[in-house]
N, C-alpha and C. Protein backbone atom coordinates (compact mmCIF):
# COMPACT_ATOMS: atom_id res chain seq x y z
N MET A 1 -24.56 -3.52 -27.62
CA MET A 1 -23.70 -2.18 -26.50
C MET A 1 -24.22 -3.07 -25.03
N GLU A 2 -25.07 -3.48 -25.07
CA GLU A 2 -25.21 -3.47 -23.13
C GLU A 2 -23.96 -5.25 -23.68
N GLU A 3 -23.59 -4.77 -24.09
CA GLU A 3 -23.15 -7.13 -24.35
C GLU A 3 -21.95 -6.32 -23.93
N LYS A 4 -20.95 -5.44 -24.61
CA LYS A 4 -19.84 -4.54 -24.25
C LYS A 4 -19.48 -4.71 -22.78
N ALA A 5 -20.78 -3.44 -22.17
CA ALA A 5 -20.67 -2.70 -21.11
C ALA A 5 -20.54 -4.31 -19.71
N ALA A 6 -21.44 -5.27 -20.04
CA ALA A 6 -21.13 -6.69 -19.64
C ALA A 6 -20.01 -7.53 -19.95
N LYS A 7 -19.22 -7.45 -20.96
CA LYS A 7 -17.32 -7.96 -21.04
C LYS A 7 -16.81 -6.72 -19.96
N LYS A 8 -16.73 -5.88 -19.88
CA LYS A 8 -16.20 -4.82 -20.04
C LYS A 8 -15.86 -4.82 -18.11
N LYS A 9 -17.07 -5.90 -17.66
CA LYS A 9 -17.29 -5.20 -16.48
C LYS A 9 -16.20 -6.20 -14.97
N ARG A 10 -15.37 -5.65 -14.97
CA ARG A 10 -13.90 -6.41 -13.66
C ARG A 10 -14.62 -8.17 -12.59
N VAL A 11 -13.96 -8.73 -12.67
CA VAL A 11 -14.12 -10.37 -12.24
C VAL A 11 -12.55 -9.58 -10.53
N ILE A 12 -13.39 -9.17 -9.57
CA ILE A 12 -12.47 -8.88 -8.54
C ILE A 12 -12.66 -10.53 -7.98
N ARG A 13 -10.89 -10.71 -8.25
CA ARG A 13 -10.46 -12.55 -7.20
C ARG A 13 -9.17 -12.10 -5.79
N ASP A 14 -10.00 -13.11 -5.27
CA ASP A 14 -9.34 -13.07 -4.04
C ASP A 14 -7.67 -13.84 -4.62
N PRO A 15 -6.33 -12.94 -4.63
CA PRO A 15 -5.30 -13.34 -4.17
C PRO A 15 -5.52 -15.06 -4.37
N TYR A 16 -4.32 -15.82 -5.27
CA TYR A 16 -3.76 -17.03 -4.89
C TYR A 16 -2.91 -16.86 -4.12
N VAL A 17 -2.45 -18.11 -3.02
CA VAL A 17 -1.60 -18.14 -2.54
C VAL A 17 -0.11 -18.06 -3.19
N TRP A 18 0.19 -18.35 -3.33
CA TRP A 18 1.47 -17.48 -4.19
C TRP A 18 1.17 -16.44 -4.49
N GLU A 19 0.95 -15.84 -4.63
CA GLU A 19 0.51 -14.01 -4.48
C GLU A 19 0.74 -13.18 -3.72
N ILE A 20 -0.33 -14.00 -2.46
CA ILE A 20 0.30 -13.55 -1.54
C ILE A 20 2.33 -13.72 -1.64
N VAL A 21 2.22 -14.97 -0.66
CA VAL A 21 3.75 -15.43 -0.89
C VAL A 21 4.83 -14.08 -1.51
N VAL A 22 4.21 -14.23 -3.05
CA VAL A 22 5.10 -13.16 -3.77
C VAL A 22 5.18 -11.97 -3.05
N ILE A 23 4.30 -11.05 -2.65
CA ILE A 23 4.58 -10.44 -2.83
C ILE A 23 5.31 -9.93 -1.33
N LEU A 24 5.01 -10.72 -0.09
CA LEU A 24 5.60 -10.28 1.66
C LEU A 24 7.33 -11.64 1.10
N ALA A 25 7.33 -11.95 0.06
CA ALA A 25 8.53 -11.78 0.16
C ALA A 25 9.71 -10.87 -1.14
N VAL A 26 8.32 -9.74 -1.71
CA VAL A 26 8.96 -8.86 -2.42
C VAL A 26 9.02 -7.43 -1.03
N LEU A 27 8.38 -7.60 -0.18
CA LEU A 27 8.10 -6.69 1.06
C LEU A 27 9.55 -6.69 2.10
N VAL A 28 9.70 -7.71 2.03
CA VAL A 28 10.98 -8.92 2.65
C VAL A 28 12.87 -7.98 1.91
N ALA A 29 12.29 -8.06 1.32
CA ALA A 29 13.77 -8.45 0.23
C ALA A 29 14.20 -6.70 0.25
N VAL A 30 12.31 -6.30 -0.53
CA VAL A 30 13.55 -5.08 -0.57
C VAL A 30 13.53 -4.52 0.86
N LEU A 31 12.46 -3.72 1.73
CA LEU A 31 13.06 -3.92 2.95
C LEU A 31 14.36 -4.07 3.36
N SER A 32 14.45 -5.53 3.39
CA SER A 32 16.16 -5.64 3.99
C SER A 32 17.59 -4.91 3.67
N TYR A 33 17.12 -5.11 2.00
CA TYR A 33 17.97 -4.61 1.22
C TYR A 33 18.39 -3.02 1.19
N SER A 34 17.30 -2.45 0.96
CA SER A 34 17.15 -0.83 1.51
C SER A 34 18.35 -0.69 2.63
N LEU A 35 17.51 -1.81 3.56
CA LEU A 35 17.75 -1.23 5.32
C LEU A 35 19.53 -1.44 5.55
N ILE A 36 19.50 -2.35 5.01
CA ILE A 36 20.67 -3.83 4.89
C ILE A 36 21.98 -2.65 4.65
N VAL A 37 21.38 -3.03 3.04
CA VAL A 37 23.01 -2.48 2.24
C VAL A 37 23.15 -1.04 1.61
N LEU A 38 21.90 -0.47 1.49
CA LEU A 38 21.80 0.70 1.29
C LEU A 38 21.79 1.64 1.95
N GLN A 39 21.72 1.01 3.47
CA GLN A 39 21.45 1.70 4.60
C GLN A 39 21.07 3.22 4.80
N VAL A 40 19.26 3.08 3.84
CA VAL A 40 18.48 4.67 3.35
C VAL A 40 17.70 4.85 4.21
N GLU A 41 16.61 5.19 5.03
CA GLU A 41 15.00 5.20 5.21
C GLU A 41 14.31 4.23 4.56
N ALA A 42 13.80 3.95 5.69
CA ALA A 42 12.19 2.94 4.70
C ALA A 42 11.36 3.64 4.07
N HIS A 43 11.08 4.86 3.31
CA HIS A 43 10.13 6.35 2.69
C HIS A 43 10.09 5.06 1.32
N ILE A 44 11.02 5.22 0.81
CA ILE A 44 11.26 5.20 -0.50
C ILE A 44 11.22 3.80 -0.61
N PRO A 45 11.55 2.49 -0.02
CA PRO A 45 11.71 0.88 -0.22
C PRO A 45 9.83 0.67 0.04
N PHE A 46 9.82 1.93 1.27
CA PHE A 46 8.14 0.87 1.37
C PHE A 46 7.05 1.49 0.27
N ILE A 47 7.37 3.11 -0.77
CA ILE A 47 6.79 3.41 -2.05
C ILE A 47 6.74 2.57 -2.57
N ILE A 48 8.52 1.62 -3.30
CA ILE A 48 7.86 0.40 -4.19
C ILE A 48 6.92 -0.44 -3.91
N VAL A 49 7.25 -1.02 -2.95
CA VAL A 49 6.62 -2.26 -1.94
C VAL A 49 4.64 -1.40 -2.75
N ILE A 50 4.30 -0.45 -2.32
CA ILE A 50 3.33 -0.66 -2.82
C ILE A 50 3.10 -0.41 -4.38
N VAL A 51 3.92 0.38 -4.21
CA VAL A 51 3.10 0.12 -6.30
C VAL A 51 3.16 -1.25 -6.84
N PHE A 52 4.67 -1.70 -6.09
CA PHE A 52 4.46 -3.50 -6.39
C PHE A 52 3.43 -3.91 -5.80
N THR A 53 2.82 -3.59 -4.92
CA THR A 53 1.49 -4.42 -4.40
C THR A 53 -0.04 -4.18 -5.41
N SER A 54 0.09 -2.62 -5.40
CA SER A 54 -1.00 -1.56 -6.08
C SER A 54 -1.34 -2.37 -7.55
N LEU A 55 0.10 -2.59 -8.57
CA LEU A 55 0.37 -3.47 -9.74
C LEU A 55 -0.63 -5.20 -9.33
N MET A 56 -0.15 -5.57 -8.46
CA MET A 56 -0.83 -7.30 -8.56
C MET A 56 -2.52 -7.28 -7.85
N ALA A 57 -2.32 -5.96 -6.94
CA ALA A 57 -4.49 -5.54 -6.71
C ALA A 57 -4.90 -5.59 -8.46
N ILE A 58 -4.50 -4.77 -9.30
CA ILE A 58 -4.82 -3.81 -10.42
C ILE A 58 -4.95 -5.72 -11.76
N ARG A 59 -4.00 -6.45 -11.27
CA ARG A 59 -3.89 -7.56 -12.00
C ARG A 59 -5.08 -8.56 -10.77
N MET A 60 -5.46 -8.22 -10.32
CA MET A 60 -7.16 -9.14 -9.46
C MET A 60 -8.06 -8.42 -10.28
N GLY A 61 -7.89 -7.75 -10.50
CA GLY A 61 -9.32 -6.92 -11.09
C GLY A 61 -10.28 -5.80 -11.25
N HIS A 62 -9.29 -5.63 -9.28
CA HIS A 62 -9.51 -4.66 -8.98
C HIS A 62 -9.28 -3.07 -9.76
N THR A 63 -9.93 -2.28 -9.73
CA THR A 63 -9.72 -0.83 -10.59
C THR A 63 -9.14 0.77 -9.43
N TRP A 64 -8.33 0.99 -10.66
CA TRP A 64 -7.27 2.49 -9.70
C TRP A 64 -7.95 3.13 -9.06
N GLU A 65 -9.38 3.40 -9.39
CA GLU A 65 -10.26 4.12 -8.76
C GLU A 65 -10.77 3.69 -7.89
N GLY A 66 -10.94 1.90 -7.28
CA GLY A 66 -11.21 1.47 -6.69
C GLY A 66 -10.62 1.24 -5.29
N LEU A 67 -8.65 1.32 -5.36
CA LEU A 67 -8.04 1.21 -4.68
C LEU A 67 -7.36 2.26 -4.06
N GLU A 68 -7.65 3.51 -4.87
CA GLU A 68 -7.62 4.95 -4.59
C GLU A 68 -8.61 5.92 -3.34
N LYS A 69 -9.90 5.47 -3.71
CA LYS A 69 -11.14 5.14 -2.42
C LYS A 69 -10.34 3.93 -1.41
N THR A 70 -9.64 2.90 -1.34
CA THR A 70 -9.55 1.98 0.26
C THR A 70 -8.48 2.88 0.52
N MET A 71 -7.45 3.31 0.26
CA MET A 71 -6.65 4.08 0.53
C MET A 71 -7.19 5.07 1.76
N LEU A 72 -7.78 6.01 0.58
CA LEU A 72 -7.93 7.29 1.23
C LEU A 72 -8.90 7.11 2.33
N LYS A 73 -9.99 5.42 2.62
CA LYS A 73 -10.87 5.92 3.35
C LYS A 73 -9.62 4.75 4.97
N SER A 74 -8.59 4.39 4.76
CA SER A 74 -7.57 3.25 5.35
C SER A 74 -7.37 4.62 6.01
N LEU A 75 -6.94 5.57 4.97
CA LEU A 75 -5.74 7.20 5.85
C LEU A 75 -6.71 7.43 7.05
N SER A 76 -8.07 7.68 5.79
CA SER A 76 -8.85 8.88 6.83
C SER A 76 -9.44 8.21 8.67
N SER A 77 -9.63 6.94 8.04
CA SER A 77 -9.71 6.85 10.09
C SER A 77 -8.75 5.63 10.71
N VAL A 78 -7.26 6.54 10.67
CA VAL A 78 -6.61 6.29 11.63
C VAL A 78 -5.64 7.78 11.52
N LEU A 79 -6.04 8.64 11.12
CA LEU A 79 -5.69 10.20 10.46
C LEU A 79 -5.76 11.44 12.77
N GLN A 80 -6.97 10.85 12.74
CA GLN A 80 -6.70 11.58 14.10
C GLN A 80 -5.42 10.41 15.17
N ALA A 81 -5.22 9.55 15.24
CA ALA A 81 -4.01 9.19 15.85
C ALA A 81 -2.75 9.45 15.06
N ILE A 82 -2.97 9.60 13.64
CA ILE A 82 -1.24 10.52 13.34
C ILE A 82 -1.11 11.48 14.26
N ILE A 83 -2.40 12.69 14.27
CA ILE A 83 -1.91 13.69 14.76
C ILE A 83 -2.13 13.59 15.79
N ILE A 84 -2.49 12.81 17.07
CA ILE A 84 -2.23 12.87 18.52
C ILE A 84 -1.00 12.95 18.38
N LEU A 85 -0.13 11.80 16.83
CA LEU A 85 1.17 11.23 17.58
C LEU A 85 2.44 12.44 17.08
N VAL A 86 1.82 12.87 16.27
CA VAL A 86 2.46 14.60 15.62
C VAL A 86 2.87 15.70 16.57
N ARG A 87 1.67 15.40 16.76
CA ARG A 87 1.08 16.68 18.37
C ARG A 87 2.62 16.28 19.65
N GLN A 88 2.64 14.89 19.86
CA GLN A 88 3.44 14.43 21.41
C GLN A 88 4.45 14.55 20.25
N CYS A 89 4.93 13.84 19.07
CA CYS A 89 6.52 13.91 18.74
C CYS A 89 6.72 15.33 18.52
N GLU A 90 5.78 16.76 18.74
CA GLU A 90 6.37 18.69 19.16
C GLU A 90 6.39 18.92 20.21
N THR A 91 5.53 18.38 21.03
CA THR A 91 6.17 18.55 22.57
C THR A 91 6.61 17.78 23.22
N PHE A 92 6.83 17.09 22.70
CA PHE A 92 8.49 15.75 23.24
C PHE A 92 9.72 16.79 22.55
N SER A 93 10.19 17.13 21.69
CA SER A 93 11.30 17.90 20.59
C SER A 93 11.48 19.20 21.38
N VAL A 94 10.12 19.45 21.54
CA VAL A 94 10.22 21.36 22.37
C VAL A 94 10.72 21.45 23.45
N ASN A 95 10.26 20.08 23.92
CA ASN A 95 10.68 19.78 26.11
C ASN A 95 12.72 19.44 26.19
N MET A 96 13.07 19.36 25.15
CA MET A 96 13.93 18.32 24.78
C MET A 96 15.17 19.51 25.21
């Protein structure tokens, strides 16, 4: 039983250079195509790139739970700045 648990333990590795290049190329290609050709807002293309990057991270040995925790930790660290920006935008739009 302990052998199965040891086999299931994921080995998290650093990305290879080609994986980094592929992720950046997908980011540039999807954003460029969406913004220039389709002329849409950047929200959906960013979601597509986030999904692709998450799949690549899972391929590198990360778990979905670990990715969720990291995303939430990142968001919580910048949440105060986001709130300040939103309040400033509200104030600016009211004064126009």
